[in-house]
Amino acid sequence: MKERPARKPYGRIVKVCEFSLEAVAEFGDDDARAVWRLAKRAARDFLRVSWINTAIVTAAKTDHPYMAVIVYGKY
């Protein structure tokens, strides 16, 4: 695997949308994959119609006791 050089933090990062994984835990892994696909599709759609250059899709802890899939945009 090739390592990328460290990038300088130019630009600003904004939260585009957040998908909660709270209800997914009840139903299983297939629904979690569906949430990830939905987040990736939202990132692609946002890149197509917006002035954002880069989209970042990540899972992160929130203020609530459950995880969330968050889409960030960098411009």
Protein backbone atom coordinates (compact mmCIF):
# COMPACT_ATOMS: atom_id res chain seq x y z
CA MET A 1 0.00 0.00 0.00
CA LYS A 2 1.30 3.41 -0.91
CA GLU A 3 1.24 6.11 1.75
CA ARG A 4 0.04 9.56 0.91
CA PRO A 5 2.14 12.52 1.96
CA ALA A 6 0.80 14.58 4.84
CA ARG A 7 -1.43 17.30 3.51
CA LYS A 8 -1.60 20.77 4.87
CA PRO A 9 -5.04 21.69 6.17
CA TYR A 10 -5.93 24.25 3.51
CA GLY A 11 -9.59 25.02 3.11
CA ARG A 12 -12.53 24.66 5.41
CA ILE A 13 -14.48 21.57 6.39
CA VAL A 14 -18.25 21.77 6.89
CA LYS A 15 -20.75 19.11 7.92
CA VAL A 16 -23.09 18.35 5.02
CA CYS A 17 -25.36 15.72 6.56
CA GLU A 18 -25.53 13.13 9.33
CA PHE A 19 -27.16 9.69 9.30
CA SER A 20 -27.89 8.15 12.68
CA LEU A 21 -27.09 4.48 13.29
CA GLU A 22 -29.33 4.30 16.37
CA ALA A 23 -32.18 2.34 14.80
CA VAL A 24 -29.89 0.21 12.62
CA ALA A 25 -28.53 -1.73 15.60
CA GLU A 26 -31.92 -3.38 16.04
CA PHE A 27 -32.13 -4.73 12.49
CA GLY A 28 -28.63 -5.98 11.63
CA ASP A 29 -25.70 -5.43 9.31
CA ASP A 30 -27.63 -5.16 6.05
CA ASP A 31 -29.31 -1.98 7.19
CA ALA A 32 -25.97 -0.52 8.30
CA ARG A 33 -24.63 -1.11 4.80
CA ALA A 34 -27.70 0.61 3.38
CA VAL A 35 -27.03 3.66 5.56
CA TRP A 36 -23.39 3.75 4.35
CA ARG A 37 -24.56 3.53 0.72
CA LEU A 38 -27.04 6.33 1.35
CA ALA A 39 -24.29 8.51 2.85
CA LYS A 40 -21.94 7.84 -0.07
CA ARG A 41 -24.70 8.64 -2.55
CA ALA A 42 -25.43 11.90 -0.71
CA ALA A 43 -21.72 12.80 -0.89
CA ARG A 44 -21.59 12.11 -4.64
CA ASP A 45 -24.76 14.09 -5.30
CA PHE A 46 -23.52 16.99 -3.21
CA LEU A 47 -20.21 17.03 -5.12
CA ARG A 48 -22.06 17.17 -8.44
CA VAL A 49 -24.19 20.19 -7.66
CA SER A 50 -22.08 22.16 -5.20
CA TRP A 51 -18.86 24.15 -4.98
CA ILE A 52 -17.36 21.62 -2.55
CA ASN A 53 -14.17 20.00 -3.90
CA THR A 54 -13.91 16.99 -1.60
CA ALA A 55 -16.40 14.88 0.34
CA ILE A 56 -15.43 12.83 3.41
CA VAL A 57 -17.72 10.05 4.66
CA THR A 58 -16.88 8.80 8.14
CA ALA A 59 -18.40 7.13 11.18
CA ALA A 60 -18.04 9.08 14.38
CA LYS A 61 -19.36 9.25 17.91
CA THR A 62 -21.84 12.01 18.53
CA ASP A 63 -23.07 13.69 21.69
CA HIS A 64 -25.65 10.93 21.90
CA PRO A 65 -24.75 7.37 22.97
CA TYR A 66 -24.94 6.05 19.39
CA MET A 67 -22.71 6.31 16.33
CA ALA A 68 -23.51 8.27 13.20
CA VAL A 69 -22.31 8.30 9.61
CA ILE A 70 -21.33 11.88 8.83
CA VAL A 71 -20.63 13.47 5.45
CA TYR A 72 -18.23 16.41 5.49
CA GLY A 73 -17.43 18.70 2.59
CA LYS A 74 -14.14 20.50 2.10
CA TYR A 75 -13.79 23.71 0.10
